[in-house]
Protein backbone atom coordinates (compact mmCIF):
# COMPACT_ATOMS: atom_id res chain seq x y z
CA MET A 1 15.19 126.22 135.71
CA GLY A 2 13.72 123.60 138.41
CA VAL A 3 12.73 119.49 137.81
CA PRO A 4 11.26 117.46 140.09
CA GLY A 5 12.29 116.83 143.54
CA ALA A 6 13.18 120.65 143.86
CA ALA A 7 9.75 122.35 144.76
CA GLY A 8 11.24 123.81 147.76
CA VAL A 9 14.13 125.50 145.74
CA TRP A 10 11.64 126.47 142.96
CA ALA A 11 9.52 128.19 145.65
CA ARG A 12 12.99 129.76 146.87
CA ARG A 13 14.14 130.91 143.42
CA ALA A 14 10.66 132.46 142.95
CA VAL A 15 11.08 134.61 145.83
CA LEU A 16 14.76 135.61 144.70
CA ALA A 17 13.30 136.92 141.30
CA VAL A 18 10.56 138.66 142.73
CA VAL A 19 13.58 140.33 144.55
CA LEU A 20 15.37 141.35 141.31
CA VAL A 21 12.35 143.28 140.48
CA GLY A 22 11.67 145.00 143.65
CA ALA A 23 11.33 148.41 144.47
CA VAL A 24 12.60 151.05 141.82
CA VAL A 25 15.69 153.51 143.20
CA ILE A 26 17.18 155.39 140.88
CA PRO A 27 15.48 158.10 139.20
CA SER A 28 15.81 157.22 135.44
CA ARG A 29 14.24 160.19 134.09
CA ALA A 30 16.30 162.55 135.79
CA VAL A 31 19.62 161.02 135.65
CA SER A 32 19.61 159.51 131.91
CA GLN A 33 21.63 161.26 129.42
CA GLN A 34 19.30 160.78 125.99
CA ALA A 35 16.32 162.33 124.81
CA LEU A 36 12.90 159.90 125.07
CA GLN A 37 12.95 157.98 121.61
CA CYS A 38 10.89 157.95 119.24
CA GLU A 39 8.27 155.24 118.47
CA GLY A 40 7.56 152.59 115.62
CA PRO A 41 9.34 149.83 114.04
CA HIS A 42 11.90 151.94 111.88
CA CYS A 43 13.34 153.30 115.18
CA ARG A 44 16.93 151.67 115.82
CA ALA A 45 18.04 154.31 119.22
CA HIS A 46 17.81 151.80 122.50
CA GLY A 47 14.88 152.43 124.47
CA SER A 48 12.57 153.30 121.23
CA ILE A 49 9.11 151.35 121.37
CA LEU A 50 8.66 149.84 118.05
CA TRP A 51 5.17 149.16 118.35
CA THR A 52 2.44 148.23 120.90
CA ALA A 53 -0.38 146.00 120.84
CA GLY A 54 -4.33 145.15 122.22
CA LEU A 55 -4.14 142.75 124.90
CA THR A 56 -7.44 140.35 125.17
CA GLY A 57 -8.98 139.30 128.26
CA SER A 58 -9.39 141.09 131.38
CA TRP A 59 -6.39 142.71 133.32
CA LEU A 60 -5.51 144.98 136.15
CA ALA A 61 -3.10 147.56 136.71
CA GLN A 62 -1.52 146.75 140.15
CA PRO A 63 0.71 148.80 141.64
CA GLY A 64 4.43 147.77 142.10
CA VAL A 65 6.73 145.86 140.50
CA THR A 66 3.28 143.16 139.33
CA GLY A 67 2.30 146.00 136.70
CA THR A 68 -0.47 144.69 134.46
CA VAL A 69 -1.64 141.23 134.60
CA PRO A 70 -4.45 138.95 133.75
CA SER A 71 -7.75 139.55 137.07
CA LEU A 72 -7.64 135.78 137.06
CA GLY A 73 -4.11 133.77 136.95
CA GLU A 74 -0.75 134.70 134.83
CA ALA A 75 -0.08 135.47 131.44
CA TYR A 76 3.65 134.20 129.91
CA ALA A 77 5.31 135.47 127.23
CA ALA A 78 8.29 134.95 125.08
CA SER A 79 10.03 136.02 122.01
CA GLY A 80 11.89 133.98 119.04
CA GLY A 81 11.29 132.95 115.59
CA GLY A 82 10.56 135.78 114.33
CA LEU A 83 7.60 135.86 116.92
CA ALA A 84 6.40 137.78 120.18
CA VAL A 85 3.76 135.38 121.79
CA VAL A 86 1.64 135.98 124.98
CA GLY A 87 0.19 132.68 126.83
CA ASP A 88 -2.84 133.32 129.45
CA GLY A 89 -5.22 130.76 130.42
CA LEU A 90 -5.50 128.23 127.75
CA GLU A 91 -4.98 131.32 124.83
CA VAL A 92 -2.28 131.78 122.71
CA THR A 93 -1.66 134.85 121.21
CA ALA A 94 1.76 135.62 118.65
CA TYR A 95 2.37 138.62 117.29
CA GLN A 96 5.06 139.24 114.43
CA LEU A 97 8.35 140.51 116.74
CA ALA A 98 9.35 143.31 114.52
CA THR A 99 5.99 145.05 113.55
CA GLY A 100 3.20 143.72 116.16
CA THR A 101 1.11 142.81 113.74
CA ARG A 102 -1.33 139.81 115.03
CA MET A 103 -0.25 136.69 113.42
CA TRP A 104 -3.27 133.99 114.75
CA GLN A 105 -4.36 133.30 117.67
CA THR A 106 -5.58 129.68 119.20
CA VAL A 107 -7.21 128.21 122.11
CA LEU A 108 -5.33 125.06 123.66
CA THR A 109 -7.82 121.76 123.14
CA ASN A 110 -6.99 118.11 124.07
CA VAL A 111 -5.48 119.13 127.68
CA PRO A 112 -7.57 117.88 130.60
CA ALA A 113 -10.54 120.22 131.58
CA GLY A 114 -8.80 123.03 134.59
CA SER A 115 -5.59 123.43 132.71
CA ALA A 116 -3.43 126.36 132.73
CA ILE A 117 -0.69 127.46 131.20
CA VAL A 118 1.79 127.93 133.05
CA GLY A 119 5.12 129.05 130.41
CA VAL A 120 5.48 130.18 126.95
CA ARG A 121 8.78 129.44 124.79
CA ALA A 122 9.46 130.48 121.18
CA PHE A 123 11.68 128.67 118.80
CA SER A 124 12.24 128.99 114.94
CA GLY A 125 8.82 127.54 113.50
CA VAL A 126 7.13 125.86 116.26
CA VAL A 127 6.00 127.50 119.61
CA ALA A 128 5.77 125.21 122.96
CA ILE A 129 3.01 125.88 125.44
CA GLY A 130 3.61 124.61 129.21
CA VAL A 131 0.31 123.41 130.09
CA GLN A 132 -0.15 122.53 134.46
CA PRO A 133 -3.01 120.26 134.83
CA PRO A 134 -5.72 121.04 137.48
CA ALA A 135 -4.84 119.23 141.31
CA GLY A 136 -5.37 115.97 141.83
CA LEU A 137 -4.37 114.05 138.46
CA SER A 138 -1.23 112.41 137.81
CA GLN A 139 0.11 114.37 135.11
CA GLU A 140 3.02 116.47 135.78
CA ARG A 141 2.93 119.57 132.73
CA ASP A 142 2.23 118.97 129.03
CA GLU A 143 4.34 120.47 126.26
CA VAL A 144 2.03 121.24 123.79
CA MET A 145 3.81 122.30 120.70
CA LEU A 146 2.25 125.13 118.15
CA SER A 147 2.88 125.29 114.56
CA ALA A 148 4.56 129.67 114.54
CA ALA A 149 2.93 130.16 110.95
CA SER A 150 -0.80 129.12 111.76
CA GLY A 151 -0.83 128.52 115.78
CA GLN A 152 -2.24 125.03 114.98
CA GLN A 153 -1.54 122.35 117.80
CA ILE A 154 1.18 119.70 116.44
CA ARG A 155 1.76 117.30 119.19
CA ILE A 156 1.79 117.14 122.68
CA TYR A 157 4.77 115.91 125.01
CA PRO A 158 4.81 114.67 129.16
CA ALA A 159 6.97 117.00 130.76
CA ALA A 160 8.57 117.74 133.83
CA THR A 161 6.58 120.49 136.21
CA TYR A 162 9.22 123.31 136.30
CA GLY A 163 10.52 120.86 132.31
CA GLY A 164 9.20 121.20 129.01
CA ALA A 165 10.80 121.94 125.49
CA ILE A 166 14.33 123.60 125.83
CA GLU A 167 15.40 123.26 121.67
CA ALA A 168 12.79 122.81 119.15
CA ASP A 169 12.35 123.57 115.40
CA GLY A 170 9.60 122.74 112.72
CA SER A 171 11.56 119.20 112.58
CA SER A 172 12.04 118.24 116.13
CA THR A 173 11.92 119.08 120.21
CA VAL A 174 13.48 118.63 122.70
CA VAL A 175 11.59 117.90 126.33
CA VAL A 176 12.91 118.34 129.71
CA GLY A 177 10.52 115.25 131.24
CA PRO A 178 9.73 113.66 134.78
CA THR A 179 12.65 111.14 134.44
CA ALA A 180 14.79 111.89 131.01
CA VAL A 181 16.11 114.06 128.04
CA THR A 182 14.29 113.38 125.11
CA ALA A 183 13.97 114.33 121.94
CA TYR A 184 11.37 113.72 119.70
CA ALA A 185 9.98 114.25 115.78
CA ASN A 186 7.51 116.55 115.08
CA SER A 187 6.28 114.61 112.47
CA THR A 188 5.16 111.71 113.98
CA GLY A 189 6.17 112.09 117.95
CA HIS A 190 8.25 109.57 117.42
CA VAL A 191 11.74 109.58 120.32
CA LEU A 192 14.92 110.21 118.52
CA TRP A 193 17.28 109.85 121.64
CA SER A 194 16.55 109.62 125.30
CA ARG A 195 18.57 110.25 128.72
CA THR A 196 17.93 109.13 131.33
CA ALA A 197 17.73 112.30 134.37
CA GLY A 198 15.83 112.99 137.45
CA GLY A 199 17.65 116.05 137.92
CA GLN A 200 17.41 118.10 140.82
CA THR A 201 17.61 121.16 138.84
CA TRP A 202 18.75 122.18 135.02
CA ARG A 203 20.29 125.13 133.19
CA VAL A 204 20.65 125.08 129.21
CA SER A 205 23.86 126.94 127.88
CA GLY A 206 25.06 127.27 124.26
CA SER A 207 24.11 123.68 122.89
CA TYR A 208 24.09 121.55 125.55
CA VAL A 209 21.82 120.66 128.65
CA TYR A 210 23.06 120.67 132.16
CA VAL A 211 21.41 117.84 134.57
CA ALA A 212 21.95 118.10 138.08
CA GLU A 213 21.04 114.65 139.69
CA ALA A 214 19.12 115.03 142.63
CA GLY A 215 21.27 114.44 145.65
CA GLY A 216 21.43 113.88 149.52
CA PRO A 217 21.75 116.54 151.97
CA SER A 218 25.93 117.02 151.08
CA GLY A 219 25.19 118.34 147.84
CA VAL A 220 24.47 117.46 143.75
CA PRO A 221 26.70 113.89 143.26
CA LEU A 222 27.51 114.45 139.57
CA VAL A 223 26.19 116.92 136.25
CA ARG A 224 24.43 115.06 133.01
CA ARG A 225 26.21 117.62 130.23
CA ILE A 226 23.90 116.63 127.02
CA ALA A 227 24.33 117.80 123.46
CA LEU A 228 21.01 118.96 122.47
CA SER A 229 21.79 118.03 118.66
CA THR A 230 22.86 114.82 118.83
CA GLY A 231 21.72 113.30 122.61
CA ALA A 232 25.49 112.40 123.52
CA GLU A 233 25.71 112.61 127.12
CA GLN A 234 28.99 113.31 129.21
CA VAL A 235 28.74 112.52 133.52
CA LEU A 236 30.62 115.51 135.48
CA ARG A 237 31.48 114.96 138.96
CA PRO A 238 34.15 117.69 141.24
CA GLY A 239 36.26 115.07 142.30
CA ALA A 240 36.71 111.54 144.13
CA HIS A 241 34.66 111.73 147.09
CA ALA A 242 32.98 114.91 146.74
CA ASP A 243 29.52 116.24 145.32
CA TYR A 244 29.02 119.65 144.27
CA PRO A 245 27.39 121.98 147.01
CA GLY A 246 24.22 122.93 147.21
CA THR A 247 22.11 123.38 144.35
CA LEU A 248 22.57 124.56 140.48
CA SER A 249 22.02 127.82 140.18
CA GLY A 250 23.23 128.98 136.00
CA VAL A 251 25.52 127.89 133.75
CA VAL A 252 26.71 131.13 131.84
CA ASP A 253 29.21 130.56 129.17
CA GLY A 254 29.77 127.14 129.65
CA VAL A 255 30.93 127.53 133.62
CA MET A 256 28.24 125.83 136.37
CA LEU A 257 27.28 127.75 139.00
CA PHE A 258 26.38 126.32 142.35
CA SER A 259 24.66 127.80 145.48
CA GLN A 260 25.45 126.87 149.04
CA GLY A 261 24.77 128.38 152.43
CA GLY A 262 25.34 131.86 151.01
CA GLY A 263 28.67 131.44 148.73
CA LEU A 264 28.82 130.48 145.23
CA TYR A 265 30.86 128.04 143.83
CA ALA A 266 31.79 128.02 139.77
CA TYR A 267 33.19 124.72 138.22
CA ASP A 268 34.49 124.02 134.52
CA GLY A 269 31.54 122.95 132.33
CA GLN A 270 34.02 120.32 130.26
CA THR A 271 36.00 118.97 133.29
CA GLY A 272 33.82 119.07 136.20
CA GLY A 273 36.68 120.91 137.55
CA LEU A 274 36.62 123.38 140.43
CA ILE A 275 37.39 126.99 139.07
CA TRP A 276 37.04 129.26 141.30
CA GLN A 277 34.68 130.15 145.15
CA ARG A 278 33.35 132.97 146.70
CA PRO A 279 32.37 132.14 150.30
CA ALA A 280 29.30 135.08 150.78
CA ALA A 281 27.96 135.74 147.45
CA VAL A 282 24.70 135.75 145.55
CA LEU A 283 24.11 135.40 142.25
CA GLU A 284 21.84 138.39 140.95
CA LEU A 285 22.47 138.77 137.56
CA ALA A 286 24.25 136.83 134.75
CA ASP A 287 24.86 138.43 131.22
CA GLU A 288 25.60 135.30 129.16
CA GLY A 289 26.93 137.10 126.00
CA SER A 290 29.72 138.58 127.49
CA GLY A 291 30.33 135.75 130.36
CA ALA A 292 29.90 137.81 133.57
CA VAL A 293 28.00 137.17 136.20
CA TYR A 294 26.49 140.00 138.86
CA LEU A 295 27.12 139.00 142.53
CA ALA A 296 25.32 140.63 145.70
CA SER A 297 28.28 140.77 148.41
CA GLY A 298 28.28 142.99 151.77
CA ASN A 299 26.70 146.58 150.10
CA ALA A 300 28.43 146.03 146.17
CA LEU A 301 26.96 144.26 143.33
CA THR A 302 29.89 143.14 141.84
CA GLY A 303 30.57 142.06 138.31
CA VAL A 304 32.84 139.35 137.90
CA ASP A 305 34.40 137.31 134.86
CA VAL A 306 32.90 133.93 135.08
CA HIS A 307 35.93 132.14 133.79
CA ALA A 308 38.68 134.16 135.32
CA ARG A 309 37.21 135.43 138.51
CA THR A 310 38.23 138.84 137.59
CA VAL A 311 36.42 142.09 138.66
CA LEU A 312 34.98 143.53 135.88
CA SER A 313 32.88 146.19 137.95
CA HIS A 314 31.21 147.33 141.02
CA ALA A 315 28.00 149.30 141.88
CA SER A 316 25.47 149.77 145.02
CA LEU A 317 23.74 146.73 145.80
CA SER A 318 21.10 148.84 146.18
CA VAL A 319 20.27 149.25 142.30
CA ALA A 320 20.05 145.17 142.17
CA GLY A 321 16.55 145.55 142.99
CA SER A 322 15.91 147.59 140.21
CA LEU A 323 17.28 145.33 137.07
CA TYR A 324 15.49 142.62 135.87
CA TRP A 325 18.28 141.81 132.75
CA VAL A 326 21.71 142.66 131.70
CA ALA A 327 23.43 142.05 128.39
CA GLY A 328 26.77 143.93 127.29
CA GLY A 329 27.30 145.61 130.82
CA VAL A 330 23.89 147.13 130.50
CA ALA A 331 20.83 146.31 132.80
CA LEU A 332 17.22 146.97 131.95
CA GLY A 333 15.51 148.78 135.26
CA LEU A 334 11.83 149.40 135.09
CA ASP A 335 10.04 152.85 136.81
CA GLN A 336 6.91 151.67 138.64
CA ASN A 337 3.11 152.24 138.21
CA ALA A 338 1.15 155.62 136.21
CA LEU A 339 4.40 156.92 135.24
CA GLY A 340 6.53 153.75 134.44
CA ASP A 341 8.68 153.53 131.60
CA ALA A 342 12.25 151.71 130.46
CA TRP A 343 15.61 152.69 130.92
CA GLY A 344 19.02 151.27 130.45
CA TYR A 345 21.88 151.37 133.23
CA ASP A 346 25.52 151.41 132.76
CA LEU A 347 26.83 149.01 135.99
CA VAL A 348 30.87 150.45 135.30
CA SER A 349 30.32 154.05 134.62
CA HIS A 350 26.89 154.18 136.89
CA ARG A 351 24.64 156.24 134.65
CA VAL A 352 21.43 155.92 132.84
CA LEU A 353 22.09 155.30 129.20
CA TRP A 354 18.75 155.64 127.94
CA THR A 355 14.57 156.02 129.07
CA SER A 356 12.02 154.83 126.62
CA ALA A 357 8.66 156.48 126.58
CA ALA A 358 6.05 155.86 129.19
CA LEU A 359 4.80 152.37 130.01
CA PRO A 360 2.50 153.03 132.30
CA TRP A 361 2.29 150.11 135.12
CA PRO A 362 4.87 147.87 133.44
CA HIS A 363 5.05 144.43 133.57
CA PHE A 364 8.13 142.05 133.17
CA PHE A 365 7.53 139.05 132.22
CA ILE A 366 9.74 136.23 134.09
CA ASP A 367 11.08 132.45 133.04
CA LEU A 368 13.84 131.78 135.20
CA SER A 369 15.53 129.12 132.87
CA GLY A 370 16.21 132.28 130.12
CA LEU A 371 13.82 130.66 127.53
CA GLY A 372 11.23 132.70 127.87
CA GLY A 373 10.15 135.26 129.58
CA SER A 374 10.44 139.28 128.52
CA ALA A 375 13.93 139.30 127.55
CA SER A 376 16.05 136.33 125.41
CA PRO A 377 19.60 136.24 125.17
CA ALA A 378 19.43 135.89 120.93
CA SER A 379 16.79 139.39 120.36
CA ASP A 380 17.53 142.88 121.60
CA ILE A 381 14.13 143.57 122.13
CA VAL A 382 12.00 142.98 125.44
CA LEU A 383 8.45 142.35 125.79
CA LEU A 384 6.53 144.54 128.84
CA ALA A 385 3.02 144.41 129.49
CA SER A 386 1.37 147.75 130.28
CA CYS A 387 -1.92 149.77 131.02
CA ALA A 388 -2.40 152.80 128.40
CA ARG A 389 -6.07 153.50 130.41
CA VAL A 390 -6.68 152.37 133.28
CA GLY A 391 -10.85 151.35 133.47
CA ALA A 392 -13.33 153.06 136.54
CA ALA A 393 -13.67 149.60 137.88
CA SER A 394 -11.76 148.56 141.01
CA THR A 395 -11.12 145.65 142.97
CA ALA A 396 -8.66 144.86 146.54
CA ALA A 397 -6.06 143.66 144.01
CA GLY A 398 -5.91 147.10 142.05
CA PRO A 399 -8.06 149.05 139.36
CA ALA A 400 -8.93 147.66 136.31
CA CYS A 401 -6.91 147.97 133.33
CA ALA A 402 -9.31 149.41 130.54
CA ARG A 403 -6.53 149.17 128.10
CA PRO A 404 -3.59 146.41 128.17
CA GLU A 405 -1.20 146.34 125.70
CA LEU A 406 1.92 144.57 124.55
CA ALA A 407 5.20 146.90 124.61
CA ALA A 408 8.11 145.96 122.34
CA VAL A 409 11.22 148.14 123.45
CA LEU A 410 14.64 147.99 121.65
CA ILE A 411 17.18 147.36 124.24
């Protein structure tokens, strides 16, 4: 996730995210080897829709990759701590992740008038809501902490524009702020530890956050590896009289990935030394659980072991535009518009392994940090917005959705 000083980098990465969820090129129902799955919380087959729940507010059914979205602003979602949470405007709704039962709904208070939710992350015991004040105010971002049990506001912490809570539980929260990574006690708001880190970009991997120090045109001079539990810090450098190239674009299984000039460079997250490099490759997808990255190079999407650079798979690059997430070598794809559904694509065998029931106008919630959004590395459930019924009214942006829903799909 970007941090202050990286607005241009963030914009380019946001564009890449749109590319990653681009036009569908695989006719999922035609090639799936598996029948449509059942629906209900007791279903255990891949592709099963565990539950759907109604979404409040005004929503549209937009064509293409956009899908079902609020008529004003953006919506954000996350799962964790047994909850599925959706934020829209200043309203936050929590559902039980296993069943879809609505647990609570709250409207945020004590934030500047005109503020809007710009991020949702769910942890054990607490939910973190990123709130952006209106233009013209000095604040970068507020991180509003809510009780996972009741939705009651606990604390508000200062955060960087693209920062926020990166680790939390009922007792404490670690926040990427404008100039430091800081751990707070939720009961009092007191600082438990703080490490100066006015970085360019950051990523969480395992029990550490990696913060790339803002550098000059030659790259990143150093990376701070900070333990989330204690604040213990290690400074990583690539070598004498050298910088890390370009921008920190990911950390996978403790390996730091930097992108520059169409090339990708992998560095050891403990020693800081170079492991491997590819002069013409772009990071498209990452599988944190299996330590694999999927790189666009030439006309191929190549799966690579992040530690050894061993090639794990090859697929057509055109496939990448259909895929949103990958775990265990199986990527999540979505079909669009009224005939939308979800499907699982095996990147080794090049087969669609499963297909969900219909999810009209599906929308995938993106959080480039990997700490929020539709999919979570710690869960096998993906959250999608869909439109079960289109209304009669229509706007220039698309038809109104008369029945917007949140769906939980087992992947």
